[in-house]
Amino acid sequence: MLKMQAIKIPDEYKEQIAGQVKVILLSEATPKRYKPLTAISISTKGFKFDRDEANER
C-alpha cells in the first residue's frame, strides 16, 4: 500500500483544483486468475462425535 505519495499536477490544471482530490487508478494489466472453489461432500453416516475425545486433542 502506498502512503504519502505525491502526484504532480500540471500547471494548467492547478487553478481548477481546490481542497482534497480523489484519485482513481486504472490498470491495463491482466488480472491474475484464481481457480474457483469447489464444494466437497463428506458422508457422516455412522459417525459418532465424542466431545470429550475431541477436547483431549
N, C-alpha and C. Protein backbone atom coordinates (compact mmCIF):
# COMPACT_ATOMS: atom_id res chain seq x y z
N MET A 1 0.85 -1.17 0.00
CA MET A 1 0.00 0.00 0.00
C MET A 1 0.89 1.23 0.00
N LEU A 2 0.59 2.17 -0.86
CA LEU A 2 1.36 3.40 -0.93
C LEU A 2 0.79 4.41 0.05
N LYS A 3 1.67 5.09 0.75
CA LYS A 3 1.24 6.13 1.67
C LYS A 3 2.10 7.36 1.44
N MET A 4 1.48 8.50 1.58
CA MET A 4 2.17 9.78 1.49
C MET A 4 2.93 9.94 0.18
N GLN A 5 2.31 9.56 -0.90
CA GLN A 5 2.92 9.74 -2.22
C GLN A 5 2.36 11.02 -2.84
N ALA A 6 3.08 11.61 -3.76
CA ALA A 6 2.65 12.85 -4.39
C ALA A 6 2.45 12.64 -5.89
N ILE A 7 1.43 13.28 -6.41
CA ILE A 7 1.18 13.28 -7.85
C ILE A 7 1.32 14.72 -8.31
N LYS A 8 2.18 14.94 -9.27
CA LYS A 8 2.39 16.30 -9.77
C LYS A 8 1.25 16.69 -10.70
N ILE A 9 0.60 17.80 -10.37
CA ILE A 9 -0.50 18.32 -11.18
C ILE A 9 0.09 19.31 -12.18
N PRO A 10 -0.21 19.12 -13.47
CA PRO A 10 0.28 20.09 -14.46
C PRO A 10 -0.23 21.50 -14.14
N ASP A 11 0.61 22.51 -14.39
CA ASP A 11 0.29 23.90 -14.05
C ASP A 11 -1.06 24.35 -14.61
N GLU A 12 -1.43 23.89 -15.80
CA GLU A 12 -2.67 24.37 -16.42
C GLU A 12 -3.92 23.87 -15.68
N TYR A 13 -3.78 22.88 -14.80
CA TYR A 13 -4.92 22.34 -14.06
C TYR A 13 -4.94 22.79 -12.60
N LYS A 14 -3.87 23.36 -12.10
CA LYS A 14 -3.77 23.71 -10.68
C LYS A 14 -4.86 24.69 -10.24
N GLU A 15 -5.27 25.61 -11.09
CA GLU A 15 -6.30 26.58 -10.71
C GLU A 15 -7.67 25.93 -10.59
N GLN A 16 -7.90 24.79 -11.23
CA GLN A 16 -9.19 24.12 -11.21
C GLN A 16 -9.37 23.25 -9.96
N ILE A 17 -8.29 23.04 -9.24
CA ILE A 17 -8.33 22.13 -8.10
C ILE A 17 -8.31 22.92 -6.80
N ALA A 18 -9.28 22.63 -5.93
CA ALA A 18 -9.33 23.27 -4.61
C ALA A 18 -9.67 22.20 -3.59
N GLY A 19 -8.93 22.16 -2.50
CA GLY A 19 -9.22 21.19 -1.45
C GLY A 19 -8.69 19.81 -1.79
N GLN A 20 -9.38 18.79 -1.25
CA GLN A 20 -8.95 17.42 -1.45
C GLN A 20 -9.34 16.93 -2.84
N VAL A 21 -8.55 16.00 -3.34
CA VAL A 21 -8.76 15.43 -4.66
C VAL A 21 -8.83 13.92 -4.53
N LYS A 22 -9.79 13.29 -5.21
CA LYS A 22 -9.87 11.83 -5.23
C LYS A 22 -9.17 11.37 -6.50
N VAL A 23 -8.26 10.42 -6.35
CA VAL A 23 -7.50 9.89 -7.48
C VAL A 23 -7.95 8.46 -7.72
N ILE A 24 -8.30 8.15 -8.95
CA ILE A 24 -8.70 6.80 -9.32
C ILE A 24 -7.66 6.27 -10.30
N LEU A 25 -7.09 5.11 -9.97
CA LEU A 25 -6.09 4.49 -10.82
C LEU A 25 -6.73 3.35 -11.61
N LEU A 26 -6.46 3.31 -12.87
CA LEU A 26 -6.93 2.22 -13.72
C LEU A 26 -5.72 1.47 -14.23
N SER A 27 -5.77 0.17 -14.17
CA SER A 27 -4.66 -0.65 -14.63
C SER A 27 -5.07 -1.40 -15.89
N GLU A 28 -4.19 -1.43 -16.84
CA GLU A 28 -4.46 -2.18 -18.06
C GLU A 28 -3.85 -3.57 -18.00
N ALA A 29 -3.24 -3.89 -16.87
CA ALA A 29 -2.63 -5.21 -16.70
C ALA A 29 -3.74 -6.26 -16.58
N THR A 30 -3.47 -7.43 -17.06
CA THR A 30 -4.42 -8.53 -16.96
C THR A 30 -4.47 -9.01 -15.52
N PRO A 31 -5.68 -9.08 -14.93
CA PRO A 31 -5.75 -9.54 -13.54
C PRO A 31 -5.39 -11.01 -13.41
N LYS A 32 -4.82 -11.37 -12.26
CA LYS A 32 -4.45 -12.75 -12.01
C LYS A 32 -5.72 -13.57 -11.84
N ARG A 33 -5.79 -14.69 -12.50
CA ARG A 33 -6.96 -15.57 -12.41
C ARG A 33 -6.75 -16.61 -11.32
N TYR A 34 -7.77 -16.83 -10.54
CA TYR A 34 -7.74 -17.84 -9.49
C TYR A 34 -8.69 -18.96 -9.83
N LYS A 35 -8.34 -20.16 -9.42
CA LYS A 35 -9.24 -21.28 -9.62
C LYS A 35 -10.44 -21.12 -8.69
N PRO A 36 -11.64 -21.36 -9.19
CA PRO A 36 -12.80 -21.23 -8.31
C PRO A 36 -12.81 -22.33 -7.26
N LEU A 37 -13.38 -22.03 -6.12
CA LEU A 37 -13.50 -23.02 -5.06
C LEU A 37 -14.61 -24.01 -5.43
N THR A 38 -14.40 -25.24 -5.07
CA THR A 38 -15.41 -26.24 -5.35
C THR A 38 -15.87 -26.85 -4.04
N ALA A 39 -17.13 -27.23 -3.99
CA ALA A 39 -17.69 -27.82 -2.78
C ALA A 39 -17.35 -29.30 -2.73
N ILE A 40 -17.21 -29.81 -1.51
CA ILE A 40 -16.99 -31.24 -1.35
C ILE A 40 -18.10 -31.78 -0.47
N SER A 41 -18.35 -33.04 -0.60
CA SER A 41 -19.38 -33.70 0.19
C SER A 41 -18.73 -34.83 0.96
N ILE A 42 -18.98 -34.86 2.25
CA ILE A 42 -18.41 -35.91 3.10
C ILE A 42 -19.57 -36.65 3.76
N SER A 43 -19.56 -37.94 3.63
CA SER A 43 -20.60 -38.75 4.26
C SER A 43 -20.30 -38.90 5.74
N THR A 44 -21.25 -38.53 6.58
CA THR A 44 -21.07 -38.68 8.03
C THR A 44 -21.96 -39.79 8.58
N LYS A 45 -22.47 -40.59 7.70
CA LYS A 45 -23.32 -41.70 8.13
C LYS A 45 -22.48 -42.66 8.98
N GLY A 46 -22.97 -42.97 10.15
CA GLY A 46 -22.25 -43.87 11.04
C GLY A 46 -21.20 -43.18 11.89
N PHE A 47 -21.04 -41.87 11.75
CA PHE A 47 -20.05 -41.14 12.55
C PHE A 47 -20.65 -40.78 13.89
N LYS A 48 -19.91 -41.03 14.96
CA LYS A 48 -20.37 -40.67 16.30
C LYS A 48 -19.37 -39.69 16.89
N PHE A 49 -19.86 -38.51 17.26
CA PHE A 49 -19.00 -37.46 17.80
C PHE A 49 -18.86 -37.62 19.30
N ASP A 50 -17.63 -37.64 19.78
CA ASP A 50 -17.35 -37.73 21.21
C ASP A 50 -16.62 -36.44 21.62
N ARG A 51 -17.36 -35.54 22.28
CA ARG A 51 -16.81 -34.24 22.64
C ARG A 51 -15.59 -34.37 23.57
N ASP A 52 -15.64 -35.29 24.52
CA ASP A 52 -14.51 -35.46 25.45
C ASP A 52 -13.25 -35.89 24.69
N GLU A 53 -13.42 -36.80 23.74
CA GLU A 53 -12.27 -37.25 22.95
C GLU A 53 -11.72 -36.11 22.10
N ALA A 54 -12.61 -35.30 21.53
CA ALA A 54 -12.17 -34.18 20.71
C ALA A 54 -11.42 -33.15 21.55
N ASN A 55 -11.87 -32.92 22.79
CA ASN A 55 -11.23 -31.94 23.65
C ASN A 55 -9.87 -32.39 24.16
N GLU A 56 -9.62 -33.69 24.15
CA GLU A 56 -8.32 -34.21 24.58
C GLU A 56 -7.22 -33.80 23.61
N ARG A 57 -7.55 -33.57 22.38
CA ARG A 57 -6.56 -33.21 21.36
C ARG A 57 -6.19 -31.81 21.55
